Amino acid sequence: MNRTAGETNKKKLHSYYDYSLLFLILFMVCFGLVMIYSTSSYNAQRIYDDATHFLQRQALFGGAGILIMLFVSKIDYRIYVTNLPVIRLKPITILYILCIFLQIYVLIFGEVIKGAKRWISLGPLGNFQPSELTKIAVIIFTAYIVNIAPRKLDKFRGFLRVVLFIVPLLGLILIENFSTALVIGVIMVSICFVASKKKAYYIISGLLFGAIGAIFIFFVSYRSERITVWLNVETEEKGYQILQGLYAIGSGGIFGKGLGESMQKLGFIPESHNDMIFSVICEELGLFGAFALILLFILMIWRIFIIAINAPDLLGGLIATGVLAHIAIQVLLNIAVVTNTIPSTGIPLPFISYGGSSVMVILFEMGIVLSISNQIKGER
């Protein structure tokens, strides 16, 4: 049967799915579990008489997060900004209101841990940190607001319009958690920056946000104290953890002492499986292992960037940009704190640090990014 030239040249479109990104995610989660066991087994055995205590809990949340990620990746991401048929509300509107409620609730009834009120107790499931869920809300809601009228961002008042929508969430977090507020602020600005054609006014915005941040640092005693500790880490009592982390990094050398052979995790670095886990990675796997991990993060960010620029619409591109900014800023801040490049602040290393709320939220976000990749059409 003869085919016409038009039929011969006609190419069939097919859906794209970023399996390379999926592999990177799964590898990161598994690597995180290995390092959590390595860094926490000593303390877990000493405190709970079970060396796998923290590993089991993180594996539970990580496994649930992966299942959620795979489920979310098969859902059209546009559903989050589409009215639900019965209640006539968008899922992102419901999430926005829920996050405001949870942030108010945690300020009033939250669990106080190490002097900070940031968690809601869930009984045997542990503690839930609402600010982690707020990151998802800010990414999707900012992308949605910008997508409605992207050209308004070409003027400063258009940017302020977006800020006014995010301020309620940002302000409630800022009261107790400056570092997370900083991450959320960077996410919001990154999405707006990418969508706007004119960039000059972001210099003014940066100076304004910097001034506000300085007020919240220098006029709050425990935050300003961190700067003093940062500048005098060897002599200040509260610089102990950072100093021990630097010892771990220095003693690791090029190739490290070997997996599980860290000395600093044996009580010298308090809760080394949390925010300071990168220092133990440097000690056990050396600069080679640390560089390899950073390279994996760069590859992950690159894959998300490719998805963002090839997204089928502006909404998808902006959501992917928000997730990219979230991962990039947390990796940058965590490593900067561990190496004493900036004052100490509580930011976990994505996929690696111990924390159920953190890993489940980041995996949910990655599910949305994979969903965006699944909507990209390519030629077969």
Protein backbone atom coordinates (compact mmCIF):
# COMPACT_ATOMS: atom_id res chain seq x y z
CA MET A 1 0.00 0.00 0.00
CA ASN A 2 1.57 3.30 -1.10
CA ARG A 3 2.01 6.15 1.38
CA THR A 4 2.00 9.82 0.47
CA ALA A 5 5.03 11.99 1.16
CA GLY A 6 3.11 13.79 3.91
CA GLU A 7 2.29 10.51 5.64
CA THR A 8 5.90 9.38 5.35
CA ASN A 9 7.24 12.56 6.96
CA LYS A 10 4.61 12.58 9.67
CA LYS A 11 6.11 11.77 13.05
CA LYS A 12 4.26 10.46 16.04
CA LEU A 13 4.46 12.37 19.29
CA HIS A 14 4.99 10.48 22.52
CA SER A 15 5.13 11.41 26.19
CA TYR A 16 8.51 11.92 27.82
CA TYR A 17 9.46 10.69 31.30
CA ASP A 18 12.78 11.61 32.89
CA TYR A 19 14.05 8.24 34.06
CA SER A 20 17.54 9.66 34.61
CA LEU A 21 16.10 12.04 37.21
CA LEU A 22 14.14 9.19 38.76
CA PHE A 23 17.34 7.14 39.07
CA LEU A 24 19.16 10.06 40.71
CA ILE A 25 16.33 10.49 43.23
CA LEU A 26 16.26 6.81 44.16
CA PHE A 27 20.05 6.71 44.45
CA MET A 28 20.06 9.79 46.69
CA VAL A 29 17.41 8.31 49.01
CA CYS A 30 19.32 5.01 49.27
CA PHE A 31 22.62 6.81 49.85
CA GLY A 32 20.93 8.90 52.52
CA LEU A 33 19.76 5.74 54.30
CA VAL A 34 23.28 4.30 54.23
CA MET A 35 24.75 7.47 55.70
CA ILE A 36 22.00 7.82 58.32
CA TYR A 37 22.75 4.30 59.54
CA SER A 38 26.48 5.00 59.52
CA THR A 39 26.14 8.29 61.43
CA SER A 40 23.37 7.29 63.87
CA SER A 41 24.07 3.67 64.79
CA TYR A 42 26.30 4.54 67.78
CA ASN A 43 23.82 6.97 69.37
CA ALA A 44 20.85 4.76 68.47
CA GLN A 45 22.44 1.78 70.23
CA ARG A 46 23.35 3.90 73.25
CA ILE A 47 19.96 5.62 73.62
CA TYR A 48 17.44 3.11 72.23
CA ASP A 49 19.45 -0.14 72.45
CA ASP A 50 18.81 -0.56 68.72
CA ALA A 51 21.47 0.50 66.22
CA THR A 52 18.91 0.64 63.41
CA HIS A 53 16.38 2.88 65.22
CA PHE A 54 16.89 5.97 63.06
CA LEU A 55 17.46 3.90 59.91
CA GLN A 56 14.12 2.12 60.32
CA ARG A 57 12.21 5.38 60.82
CA GLN A 58 13.86 7.10 57.87
CA ALA A 59 13.36 4.02 55.65
CA LEU A 60 9.65 4.06 56.54
CA PHE A 61 9.24 7.72 55.59
CA GLY A 62 11.54 7.38 52.58
CA GLY A 63 9.64 4.35 51.26
CA ALA A 64 6.29 6.09 51.75
CA GLY A 65 7.70 9.19 50.06
CA ILE A 66 8.85 7.21 47.03
CA LEU A 67 5.39 5.65 46.63
CA ILE A 68 3.80 9.10 46.91
CA MET A 69 6.31 10.46 44.38
CA LEU A 70 5.51 7.74 41.83
CA PHE A 71 1.77 8.29 42.32
CA VAL A 72 2.05 12.08 42.01
CA SER A 73 4.25 11.75 38.91
CA LYS A 74 1.32 10.17 37.05
CA ILE A 75 -1.10 12.99 37.95
CA ASP A 76 -1.38 16.02 35.65
CA TYR A 77 0.25 18.85 37.64
CA ARG A 78 -2.39 21.31 36.34
CA ILE A 79 -4.95 19.70 38.65
CA TYR A 80 -3.46 21.63 41.60
CA VAL A 81 -4.67 24.93 40.11
CA THR A 82 -7.99 23.64 38.74
CA ASN A 83 -11.30 23.98 40.58
CA LEU A 84 -12.49 20.76 42.22
CA PRO A 85 -15.92 19.72 40.89
CA VAL A 86 -17.84 19.59 44.19
CA ILE A 87 -16.46 22.30 46.45
CA ARG A 88 -15.40 24.65 43.61
CA LEU A 89 -12.03 25.32 45.17
CA LYS A 90 -8.56 24.75 43.79
CA PRO A 91 -6.33 22.24 45.65
CA ILE A 92 -3.64 24.92 45.97
CA THR A 93 -6.13 27.26 47.67
CA ILE A 94 -7.01 24.53 50.17
CA LEU A 95 -3.30 23.83 50.77
CA TYR A 96 -2.58 27.55 51.23
CA ILE A 97 -5.31 27.90 53.87
CA LEU A 98 -4.23 24.64 55.55
CA CYS A 99 -0.63 25.82 55.81
CA ILE A 100 -1.66 29.12 57.39
CA PHE A 101 -3.79 27.20 59.92
CA LEU A 102 -0.94 24.79 60.71
CA GLN A 103 1.58 27.60 61.12
CA ILE A 104 -0.73 29.41 63.56
CA TYR A 105 -1.40 26.12 65.38
CA VAL A 106 2.30 25.32 65.78
CA LEU A 107 3.00 28.78 67.21
CA ILE A 108 0.35 28.21 69.88
CA PHE A 109 0.37 24.47 70.58
CA GLY A 110 3.60 23.28 68.93
CA GLU A 111 6.23 21.08 70.54
CA VAL A 112 9.21 22.99 71.93
CA ILE A 113 12.42 21.21 70.95
CA LYS A 114 15.81 22.78 71.72
CA GLY A 115 14.10 26.09 72.51
CA ALA A 116 12.23 26.33 69.18
CA LYS A 117 8.51 25.78 68.63
CA ARG A 118 8.40 24.35 65.08
CA TRP A 119 6.88 20.89 65.38
CA ILE A 120 3.47 19.28 65.85
CA SER A 121 3.50 15.97 67.73
CA LEU A 122 1.95 13.04 65.86
CA GLY A 123 2.43 10.53 68.66
CA PRO A 124 4.21 7.32 67.58
CA LEU A 125 4.80 8.75 64.09
CA GLY A 126 7.07 11.41 65.55
CA ASN A 127 6.94 15.16 64.94
CA PHE A 128 5.64 16.96 61.88
CA GLN A 129 7.12 20.28 60.76
CA PRO A 130 4.43 22.41 58.99
CA SER A 131 7.03 24.70 57.45
CA GLU A 132 8.13 21.80 55.21
CA LEU A 133 4.61 21.48 53.79
CA THR A 134 4.54 25.25 53.34
CA LYS A 135 7.41 24.95 50.85
CA ILE A 136 5.14 22.98 48.50
CA ALA A 137 2.35 25.54 48.94
CA VAL A 138 4.69 28.45 48.17
CA ILE A 139 6.12 26.79 45.05
CA ILE A 140 2.74 25.97 43.50
CA PHE A 141 0.90 29.10 44.70
CA THR A 142 3.65 31.48 43.54
CA ALA A 143 3.78 29.74 40.14
CA TYR A 144 -0.02 29.95 39.90
CA ILE A 145 -0.18 33.68 40.75
CA VAL A 146 2.64 34.50 38.32
CA ASN A 147 1.11 32.34 35.59
CA ILE A 148 -2.16 34.30 35.73
CA ALA A 149 -0.48 37.56 34.68
CA PRO A 150 3.25 37.07 34.03
CA ARG A 151 3.71 40.45 32.29
CA LYS A 152 2.78 42.30 35.49
CA LEU A 153 6.15 41.18 36.85
CA ASP A 154 7.85 43.54 34.41
CA LYS A 155 7.02 46.26 36.94
CA PHE A 156 7.96 46.41 40.61
CA ARG A 157 4.35 46.62 41.76
CA GLY A 158 3.68 43.32 39.99
CA PHE A 159 6.38 41.70 42.12
CA LEU A 160 4.92 43.29 45.26
CA ARG A 161 1.56 41.77 44.31
CA VAL A 162 3.10 38.29 44.49
CA VAL A 163 4.91 39.14 47.74
CA LEU A 164 1.61 40.18 49.38
CA PHE A 165 0.15 36.74 48.69
CA ILE A 166 3.17 34.95 50.19
CA VAL A 167 3.77 37.28 53.17
CA PRO A 168 1.17 35.57 55.45
CA LEU A 169 2.98 32.24 55.12
CA LEU A 170 6.44 33.79 55.20
CA GLY A 171 5.71 35.95 58.23
CA LEU A 172 4.31 33.11 60.33
CA ILE A 173 7.41 31.01 59.66
CA LEU A 174 9.79 33.91 60.24
CA ILE A 175 8.64 34.24 63.85
CA GLU A 176 10.30 30.95 64.87
CA ASN A 177 12.30 29.74 61.89
CA PHE A 178 14.45 32.30 60.07
CA SER A 179 16.38 29.75 57.99
CA THR A 180 13.24 28.15 56.50
CA ALA A 181 11.78 31.61 55.87
CA LEU A 182 14.98 32.42 53.98
CA VAL A 183 14.60 29.29 51.82
CA ILE A 184 10.94 30.11 51.08
CA GLY A 185 11.85 33.71 50.23
CA VAL A 186 14.51 32.52 47.76
CA ILE A 187 11.99 30.12 46.16
CA MET A 188 9.45 32.91 45.66
CA VAL A 189 12.00 35.38 44.26
CA SER A 190 13.49 32.73 41.93
CA ILE A 191 10.11 31.97 40.36
CA CYS A 192 9.36 35.68 39.89
CA PHE A 193 12.86 36.39 38.52
CA VAL A 194 12.57 33.70 35.85
CA ALA A 195 9.11 34.90 34.74
CA SER A 196 9.91 38.63 34.48
CA LYS A 197 11.60 40.29 31.51
CA LYS A 198 12.96 43.23 33.49
CA LYS A 199 15.43 42.32 36.21
CA ALA A 200 16.80 45.65 37.46
CA TYR A 201 14.30 46.13 40.26
CA TYR A 202 15.41 42.86 41.85
CA ILE A 203 18.49 44.73 43.07
CA ILE A 204 16.18 47.03 45.06
CA SER A 205 14.18 44.00 46.23
CA GLY A 206 17.38 42.26 47.33
CA LEU A 207 18.50 45.28 49.37
CA LEU A 208 15.02 45.55 50.92
CA PHE A 209 14.85 41.86 51.88
CA GLY A 210 18.45 42.06 53.13
CA ALA A 211 17.57 44.97 55.40
CA ILE A 212 14.52 43.13 56.78
CA GLY A 213 16.63 40.01 57.31
CA ALA A 214 19.28 42.03 59.15
CA ILE A 215 16.61 43.38 61.52
CA PHE A 216 15.43 39.86 62.32
CA ILE A 217 19.03 38.76 62.92
CA PHE A 218 20.62 41.61 64.87
CA PHE A 219 17.57 42.47 66.98
CA VAL A 220 16.97 38.88 68.10
CA SER A 221 19.58 37.89 70.67
CA TYR A 222 20.03 34.19 69.88
CA ARG A 223 20.37 34.94 66.15
CA SER A 224 22.93 37.70 66.59
CA GLU A 225 24.81 35.40 68.95
CA ARG A 226 25.27 32.94 66.08
CA ILE A 227 27.31 35.55 64.22
CA THR A 228 29.58 35.96 67.24
CA VAL A 229 29.97 32.18 67.43
CA TRP A 230 30.69 32.02 63.69
CA LEU A 231 33.47 34.59 63.97
CA ASN A 232 34.98 32.91 67.06
CA VAL A 233 34.15 29.24 66.54
CA GLU A 234 37.30 28.03 68.36
CA THR A 235 36.70 30.03 71.54
CA GLU A 236 32.90 30.19 71.83
CA GLU A 237 31.23 27.37 73.76
CA LYS A 238 28.34 27.16 71.27
CA GLY A 239 30.79 26.74 68.40
CA TYR A 240 31.57 23.21 69.63
CA GLN A 241 29.44 21.38 67.05
CA ILE A 242 30.76 23.34 64.07
CA LEU A 243 34.33 22.94 65.32
CA GLN A 244 33.92 19.17 65.65
CA GLY A 245 32.44 19.11 62.15
CA LEU A 246 35.51 20.92 60.81
CA TYR A 247 37.72 18.36 62.57
CA ALA A 248 35.74 15.62 60.80
CA ILE A 249 36.17 17.27 57.41
CA GLY A 250 39.87 17.81 57.95
CA SER A 251 40.58 14.29 59.21
CA GLY A 252 38.88 12.66 56.23
CA GLY A 253 41.58 13.65 53.78
CA ILE A 254 41.17 12.85 50.11
CA PHE A 255 39.57 9.40 50.24
CA GLY A 256 38.30 9.28 53.82
CA LYS A 257 38.66 6.80 56.65
CA GLY A 258 36.15 4.38 55.18
CA LEU A 259 32.39 3.94 55.50
CA GLY A 260 31.39 3.58 59.16
CA GLU A 261 34.87 4.52 60.44
CA SER A 262 34.12 8.07 61.59
CA MET A 263 35.36 9.02 65.05
CA GLN A 264 33.52 12.35 65.32
CA LYS A 265 30.10 10.68 65.17
CA LEU A 266 30.86 8.87 68.46
CA GLY A 267 29.33 11.63 70.54
CA PHE A 268 31.62 14.47 69.42
CA ILE A 269 29.12 15.80 66.86
CA PRO A 270 25.68 15.86 68.57
CA GLU A 271 23.02 14.23 66.38
CA SER A 272 25.42 13.83 63.47
CA HIS A 273 22.67 12.21 61.36
CA ASN A 274 20.82 15.54 61.09
CA ASP A 275 22.08 18.82 59.65
CA MET A 276 25.79 17.96 60.22
CA ILE A 277 25.72 14.74 58.22
CA PHE A 278 27.84 16.23 55.43
CA SER A 279 30.81 16.55 57.80
CA VAL A 280 30.69 12.80 58.53
CA ILE A 281 30.42 12.08 54.79
CA CYS A 282 33.64 14.07 54.36
CA GLU A 283 35.32 12.15 57.20
CA GLU A 284 34.30 8.68 56.00
CA LEU A 285 34.38 9.17 52.22
CA GLY A 286 36.87 12.04 52.03
CA LEU A 287 36.85 14.99 49.68
CA PHE A 288 36.37 12.54 46.82
CA GLY A 289 33.05 11.33 48.28
CA ALA A 290 31.96 14.89 49.13
CA PHE A 291 32.75 16.07 45.60
CA ALA A 292 30.89 13.08 44.12
CA LEU A 293 27.82 13.92 46.22
CA ILE A 294 27.93 17.58 45.15
CA LEU A 295 28.26 16.43 41.53
CA LEU A 296 25.13 14.28 41.92
CA PHE A 297 23.24 17.30 43.24
CA ILE A 298 24.45 19.35 40.26
CA LEU A 299 23.27 16.61 37.87
CA MET A 300 19.87 16.54 39.60
CA ILE A 301 19.54 20.32 39.37
CA TRP A 302 20.55 20.13 35.70
CA ARG A 303 17.84 17.56 34.96
CA ILE A 304 15.23 19.72 36.69
CA PHE A 305 16.47 22.71 34.69
CA ILE A 306 16.04 20.76 31.43
CA ILE A 307 12.48 19.88 32.46
CA ALA A 308 11.77 23.51 33.38
CA ILE A 309 12.87 24.95 30.01
CA ASN A 310 11.03 22.22 28.07
CA ALA A 311 7.82 22.29 30.13
CA PRO A 312 4.61 22.35 28.04
CA ASP A 313 3.46 25.64 29.61
CA LEU A 314 4.62 28.49 31.82
CA LEU A 315 3.00 27.00 34.93
CA GLY A 316 5.00 23.77 34.64
CA GLY A 317 8.23 25.66 33.99
CA LEU A 318 7.72 27.87 37.03
CA ILE A 319 6.87 24.97 39.35
CA ALA A 320 10.01 23.12 38.23
CA THR A 321 12.00 26.33 38.78
CA GLY A 322 10.65 26.54 42.34
CA VAL A 323 11.70 22.95 43.10
CA LEU A 324 15.12 23.61 41.56
CA ALA A 325 15.55 26.69 43.76
CA HIS A 326 14.44 24.74 46.84
CA ILE A 327 17.03 21.99 46.36
CA ALA A 328 19.83 24.35 45.28
CA ILE A 329 19.47 26.80 48.19
CA GLN A 330 19.22 24.04 50.81
CA VAL A 331 22.30 22.23 49.50
CA LEU A 332 24.22 25.51 49.35
CA LEU A 333 23.19 26.63 52.85
CA ASN A 334 23.78 23.23 54.48
CA ILE A 335 27.29 22.83 53.08
CA ALA A 336 28.10 26.48 53.84
CA VAL A 337 27.06 26.01 57.49
CA VAL A 338 28.97 22.73 57.91
CA THR A 339 32.15 24.29 56.48
CA ASN A 340 31.61 27.42 58.66
CA THR A 341 31.33 29.63 55.58
CA ILE A 342 28.19 31.24 57.03
CA PRO A 343 26.72 31.39 60.58
CA SER A 344 25.00 28.27 61.86
CA THR A 345 21.39 27.70 60.82
CA GLY A 346 19.16 24.64 60.83
CA ILE A 347 18.89 23.54 57.20
CA PRO A 348 18.88 19.80 56.34
CA LEU A 349 20.75 18.36 53.37
CA PRO A 350 18.02 17.24 50.91
CA PHE A 351 17.52 13.43 50.65
CA ILE A 352 20.45 12.82 53.02
CA SER A 353 19.72 14.33 56.45
CA TYR A 354 17.44 12.51 58.89
CA GLY A 355 13.87 13.84 58.97
CA GLY A 356 10.54 12.36 57.90
CA SER A 357 8.82 15.65 57.05
CA SER A 358 11.77 16.84 54.99
CA VAL A 359 12.23 13.70 52.88
CA MET A 360 8.52 13.20 52.20
CA VAL A 361 8.03 16.82 51.11
CA ILE A 362 11.07 16.80 48.83
CA LEU A 363 9.91 13.51 47.25
CA PHE A 364 6.42 14.94 46.73
CA GLU A 365 8.01 17.90 44.94
CA MET A 366 10.07 15.55 42.78
CA GLY A 367 6.86 13.71 41.91
CA ILE A 368 5.44 16.98 40.57
CA VAL A 369 8.62 17.58 38.54
CA LEU A 370 8.37 14.07 37.07
CA SER A 371 4.71 14.80 36.29
CA ILE A 372 5.80 17.89 34.37
CA SER A 373 8.36 15.80 32.46
CA ASN A 374 5.60 13.31 31.65
CA GLN A 375 3.65 16.09 29.89
CA ILE A 376 6.54 16.98 27.61
CA LYS A 377 5.88 15.73 24.11
CA GLY A 378 8.69 14.51 21.91
CA GLU A 379 9.04 13.04 18.43
CA ARG A 380 9.42 9.30 18.09
